[in-house]
Amino acid sequence: MQIISEPALLKMVWENREVDFTEMMKIVVDIEREILAIDGDMHADLEKMLLESGSLQQNLWGANIYPSKENDEFLEFTSFINIRPSQENRGMEIMDTRIREKISFIVQKLLK
């Protein structure tokens, strides 16, 4: 697991991953600090790492990336940590298009 705050090569992150998922990597994005944690067994592990680094819970959102896919199939906005009735997100998928756009922007900026 690692926190990425500066642009990194996705190919290198994928090749050096610790978790051996065959086609995807779990990420948690801090939409306020514009950083992400990547390469955990569970989104909750990545979330904990970001909380310990100073992130606030309400700014953390889970997603999955599929390095071998492109466009709409590259990023999936689904995680148990996204279930937040207090933030009007009642399911695992992020429903707010502004949050989804912010996550996409951060992922594109940090994972080249």
C-alpha atoms as a PDB file:
ATOM      1  CA  MET A   1       0.000   0.000   0.000  1.00  0.00           C
ATOM      2  CA  GLN A   2       1.159   3.481  -0.722  1.00  0.00           C
ATOM      3  CA  ILE A   3      -0.011   7.056  -0.798  1.00  0.00           C
ATOM      4  CA  ILE A   4       0.492   8.894  -4.061  1.00  0.00           C
ATOM      5  CA  SER A   5       0.655  12.670  -3.875  1.00  0.00           C
ATOM      6  CA  GLU A   6       2.811  13.352  -6.944  1.00  0.00           C
ATOM      7  CA  PRO A   7       2.375  11.981 -10.473  1.00  0.00           C
ATOM      8  CA  ALA A   8       3.478   8.355 -10.788  1.00  0.00           C
ATOM      9  CA  LEU A   9       3.632   5.918 -13.674  1.00  0.00           C
ATOM     10  CA  LEU A  10       0.664   3.586 -13.388  1.00  0.00           C
ATOM     11  CA  LYS A  11       2.629   0.890 -15.202  1.00  0.00           C
ATOM     12  CA  MET A  12       5.287   0.948 -12.448  1.00  0.00           C
ATOM     13  CA  VAL A  13       2.713   0.966  -9.660  1.00  0.00           C
ATOM     14  CA  TRP A  14       0.945  -1.988 -11.297  1.00  0.00           C
ATOM     15  CA  GLU A  15       4.146  -3.965 -11.877  1.00  0.00           C
ATOM     16  CA  ASN A  16       5.270  -3.427  -8.261  1.00  0.00           C
ATOM     17  CA  ARG A  17       1.901  -4.047  -6.611  1.00  0.00           C
ATOM     18  CA  GLU A  18       1.713  -6.043  -3.403  1.00  0.00           C
ATOM     19  CA  VAL A  19      -1.857  -7.247  -3.790  1.00  0.00           C
ATOM     20  CA  ASP A  20      -2.223  -9.788  -6.546  1.00  0.00           C
ATOM     21  CA  PHE A  21      -5.575  -8.913  -8.077  1.00  0.00           C
ATOM     22  CA  THR A  22      -5.423 -10.040 -11.684  1.00  0.00           C
ATOM     23  CA  GLU A  23      -6.921  -7.012 -13.408  1.00  0.00           C
ATOM     24  CA  MET A  24      -7.716  -4.249 -10.919  1.00  0.00           C
ATOM     25  CA  MET A  25      -6.367  -2.193  -8.046  1.00  0.00           C
ATOM     26  CA  LYS A  26      -8.327  -0.663  -5.200  1.00  0.00           C
ATOM     27  CA  ILE A  27      -7.858   3.016  -4.503  1.00  0.00           C
ATOM     28  CA  VAL A  28      -9.151   5.557  -2.010  1.00  0.00           C
ATOM     29  CA  VAL A  29      -9.058   9.192  -3.068  1.00  0.00           C
ATOM     30  CA  ASP A  30      -8.954  12.241  -0.801  1.00  0.00           C
ATOM     31  CA  ILE A  31     -10.857  14.756  -2.910  1.00  0.00           C
ATOM     32  CA  GLU A  32      -9.783  17.692  -0.717  1.00  0.00           C
ATOM     33  CA  ARG A  33      -6.035  17.002  -0.491  1.00  0.00           C
ATOM     34  CA  GLU A  34      -5.969  15.577  -4.048  1.00  0.00           C
ATOM     35  CA  ILE A  35      -4.018  12.462  -3.087  1.00  0.00           C
ATOM     36  CA  LEU A  36      -4.809   8.776  -3.234  1.00  0.00           C
ATOM     37  CA  ALA A  37      -3.894   5.521  -1.555  1.00  0.00           C
ATOM     38  CA  ILE A  38      -3.496   2.471  -3.771  1.00  0.00           C
ATOM     39  CA  ASP A  39      -2.786  -1.261  -3.675  1.00  0.00           C
ATOM     40  CA  GLY A  40      -4.640  -2.602  -0.654  1.00  0.00           C
ATOM     41  CA  ASP A  41      -6.579  -5.789  -0.035  1.00  0.00           C
ATOM     42  CA  MET A  42      -9.525  -3.708   1.107  1.00  0.00           C
ATOM     43  CA  HIS A  43     -10.600  -0.123   0.607  1.00  0.00           C
ATOM     44  CA  ALA A  44     -10.837   0.149   4.410  1.00  0.00           C
ATOM     45  CA  ASP A  45      -7.072  -0.488   4.702  1.00  0.00           C
ATOM     46  CA  LEU A  46      -6.345   2.338   2.261  1.00  0.00           C
ATOM     47  CA  GLU A  47      -8.873   4.579   4.000  1.00  0.00           C
ATOM     48  CA  LYS A  48      -7.152   3.954   7.349  1.00  0.00           C
ATOM     49  CA  MET A  49      -3.782   4.865   5.849  1.00  0.00           C
ATOM     50  CA  LEU A  50      -5.124   8.189   4.585  1.00  0.00           C
ATOM     51  CA  LEU A  51      -6.892   8.956   7.876  1.00  0.00           C
ATOM     52  CA  GLU A  52      -3.603   8.373   9.707  1.00  0.00           C
ATOM     53  CA  SER A  53      -1.895  10.790   7.302  1.00  0.00           C
ATOM     54  CA  GLY A  54      -4.337  13.587   8.121  1.00  0.00           C
ATOM     55  CA  SER A  55      -7.246  13.083   5.743  1.00  0.00           C
ATOM     56  CA  LEU A  56     -10.820  13.685   6.888  1.00  0.00           C
ATOM     57  CA  GLN A  57     -13.387  10.900   6.556  1.00  0.00           C
ATOM     58  CA  GLN A  58     -15.893  12.967   4.575  1.00  0.00           C
ATOM     59  CA  ASN A  59     -13.277  13.571   1.853  1.00  0.00           C
ATOM     60  CA  LEU A  60     -12.394   9.912   1.254  1.00  0.00           C
ATOM     61  CA  TRP A  61     -14.017   7.895  -1.501  1.00  0.00           C
ATOM     62  CA  GLY A  62     -13.284   4.369  -2.716  1.00  0.00           C
ATOM     63  CA  ALA A  63     -12.921   3.222  -6.301  1.00  0.00           C
ATOM     64  CA  ASN A  64     -11.221   0.584  -8.439  1.00  0.00           C
ATOM     65  CA  ILE A  65      -8.946   1.060 -11.411  1.00  0.00           C
ATOM     66  CA  TYR A  66      -8.444  -1.389 -14.250  1.00  0.00           C
ATOM     67  CA  PRO A  67      -5.044  -0.592 -15.799  1.00  0.00           C
ATOM     68  CA  SER A  68      -5.603  -2.650 -18.943  1.00  0.00           C
ATOM     69  CA  LYS A  69      -8.924  -0.965 -19.749  1.00  0.00           C
ATOM     70  CA  GLU A  70      -9.608   2.460 -21.199  1.00  0.00           C
ATOM     71  CA  ASN A  71     -12.106   5.305 -20.970  1.00  0.00           C
ATOM     72  CA  ASP A  72     -15.293   4.487 -19.054  1.00  0.00           C
ATOM     73  CA  GLU A  73     -14.076   1.012 -18.088  1.00  0.00           C
ATOM     74  CA  PHE A  74     -10.812   2.220 -16.495  1.00  0.00           C
ATOM     75  CA  LEU A  75     -12.370   3.617 -13.308  1.00  0.00           C
ATOM     76  CA  GLU A  76     -15.170   2.089 -11.244  1.00  0.00           C
ATOM     77  CA  PHE A  77     -16.726   4.162  -8.447  1.00  0.00           C
ATOM     78  CA  THR A  78     -17.733   1.315  -6.130  1.00  0.00           C
ATOM     79  CA  SER A  79     -16.706   0.503  -2.555  1.00  0.00           C
ATOM     80  CA  PHE A  80     -18.291  -0.331   0.792  1.00  0.00           C
ATOM     81  CA  ILE A  81     -16.667   2.794   2.264  1.00  0.00           C
ATOM     82  CA  ASN A  82     -18.872   4.890  -0.038  1.00  0.00           C
ATOM     83  CA  ILE A  83     -22.045   3.958   1.863  1.00  0.00           C
ATOM     84  CA  ARG A  84     -22.716   7.267   3.597  1.00  0.00           C
ATOM     85  CA  PRO A  85     -26.315   8.215   4.238  1.00  0.00           C
ATOM     86  CA  SER A  86     -25.081  11.346   6.046  1.00  0.00           C
ATOM     87  CA  GLN A  87     -23.561  12.512   2.747  1.00  0.00           C
ATOM     88  CA  GLU A  88     -26.565  11.423   0.667  1.00  0.00           C
ATOM     89  CA  ASN A  89     -24.732   8.378  -0.740  1.00  0.00           C
ATOM     90  CA  ARG A  90     -26.800   5.373   0.316  1.00  0.00           C
ATOM     91  CA  GLY A  91     -25.082   2.703  -1.780  1.00  0.00           C
ATOM     92  CA  MET A  92     -21.641   1.412  -2.676  1.00  0.00           C
ATOM     93  CA  GLU A  93     -21.496   3.413  -5.908  1.00  0.00           C
ATOM     94  CA  ILE A  94     -20.693   7.122  -5.769  1.00  0.00           C
ATOM     95  CA  MET A  95     -23.789   8.875  -7.065  1.00  0.00           C
ATOM     96  CA  ASP A  96     -22.694  12.543  -6.992  1.00  0.00           C
ATOM     97  CA  THR A  97     -21.346  13.423 -10.437  1.00  0.00           C
ATOM     98  CA  ARG A  98     -19.190  16.237  -8.996  1.00  0.00           C
ATOM     99  CA  ILE A  99     -17.412  13.781  -6.692  1.00  0.00           C
ATOM    100  CA  ARG A 100     -16.962  11.308  -9.549  1.00  0.00           C
ATOM    101  CA  GLU A 101     -15.495  14.058 -11.770  1.00  0.00           C
ATOM    102  CA  LYS A 102     -13.133  15.162  -8.986  1.00  0.00           C
ATOM    103  CA  ILE A 103     -11.937  11.573  -8.474  1.00  0.00           C
ATOM    104  CA  SER A 104     -11.389  11.158 -12.223  1.00  0.00           C
ATOM    105  CA  PHE A 105      -9.405  14.390 -12.340  1.00  0.00           C
ATOM    106  CA  ILE A 106      -7.184  13.345  -9.400  1.00  0.00           C
ATOM    107  CA  VAL A 107      -6.589   9.858 -10.797  1.00  0.00           C
ATOM    108  CA  GLN A 108      -5.666  11.245 -14.223  1.00  0.00           C
ATOM    109  CA  LYS A 109      -3.344  13.795 -12.605  1.00  0.00           C
ATOM    110  CA  LEU A 110      -1.555  11.304 -10.352  1.00  0.00           C
ATOM    111  CA  LEU A 111      -1.506   8.051 -12.358  1.00  0.00           C
ATOM    112  CA  LYS A 112       0.068   8.620 -15.763  1.00  0.00           C
END
